[in-house]
Amino acid sequence: MFVFYYNDFNMANKTKQYCYEYWHPSVATDCVIFGFDGKKLKVLLIERNLEPYKGYWALPGGFLRETDKTAEQCALRELKEETNLVVSEDRLWQLGVFSEVNRDPRNRVISLAYYALVEPCDVVGGDDAAQAQWFDIDEIPQLAFDHAQILAKAREAMRRQIHFDPIGYDLLGKEFTLTQVQTLYEAIQGVTYDRRNFARKLQTSGIVNPLGKKVEGTAHKAPQLFECNKDVFKEKAQSLKFELKKY
């Protein structure tokens, strides 16, 4: 019995020993969710229903709770609560840390930002979000906090990643046309590619495979359908880098 109390006393002392009276900043997560509707790149935003920046549009996100096992779980939880959008953790990419002193007027808040590409779907505002809405990438309203900076960094990260990971093809479905692939790349990169050069590069690389069928119900000449060979993509991405000629 004596040993039990002695050990318990020692543990209490050790716990107290490491309880330093340091100031702790708040930790939050922010999510940049990109979507593609077949023509334009979209970004998911929420309208804030609380101060600060009440009435402003912002990225979905919120503060880390004691019940959140990881920052990723916090990001996905806030995304679900504020927009009703569910994203799997394996499609969430870490963007970076944003820690400017005055980025939040309430107190010192450090944000861990993430981004993902998903197929646009119906969303609805919840929790402290008055509403949720998809915006065209070139029609973004004024954003709260430093979210414009976070969005810009996420877009640059996506532009780099699409050369090395087949994330873009997740937005196209299992079957797609080469025109749809080009439209997606142009929307992400913000450039225009030569149609023939783009199609030739994709087909000769083996990254896309023809399915031997065409789009049904088209008034004009029906385009061929393709599928993505993700194994070839990952194998050749480092050497190809999709450095297609821009016009």
Foldseek 3Di string as FASTA:
>chain_A
DVVVVVVVVVVVVVVVVPPDPDDDAWEKEFEWEWADPLFFIKTKWFQFCDDDVHRFIATFMDTDDPPQPDNLSRHQVSCCQFWVDHDDSVQKAWQAKDFDQPLDVPGGYIYTYIYGYDHDDHTFGHDRTNGMDMDGPVDDDDYHRCRVVVNVSVLVVVLQVVLQAVRQQNNAPFKDFLVSVQSSNCNSVVFHADSVQSVVVCVVLVQKDWPPDFDPDDPDDTTTMIGGPRVSSNVCSVPPSVPGDTD
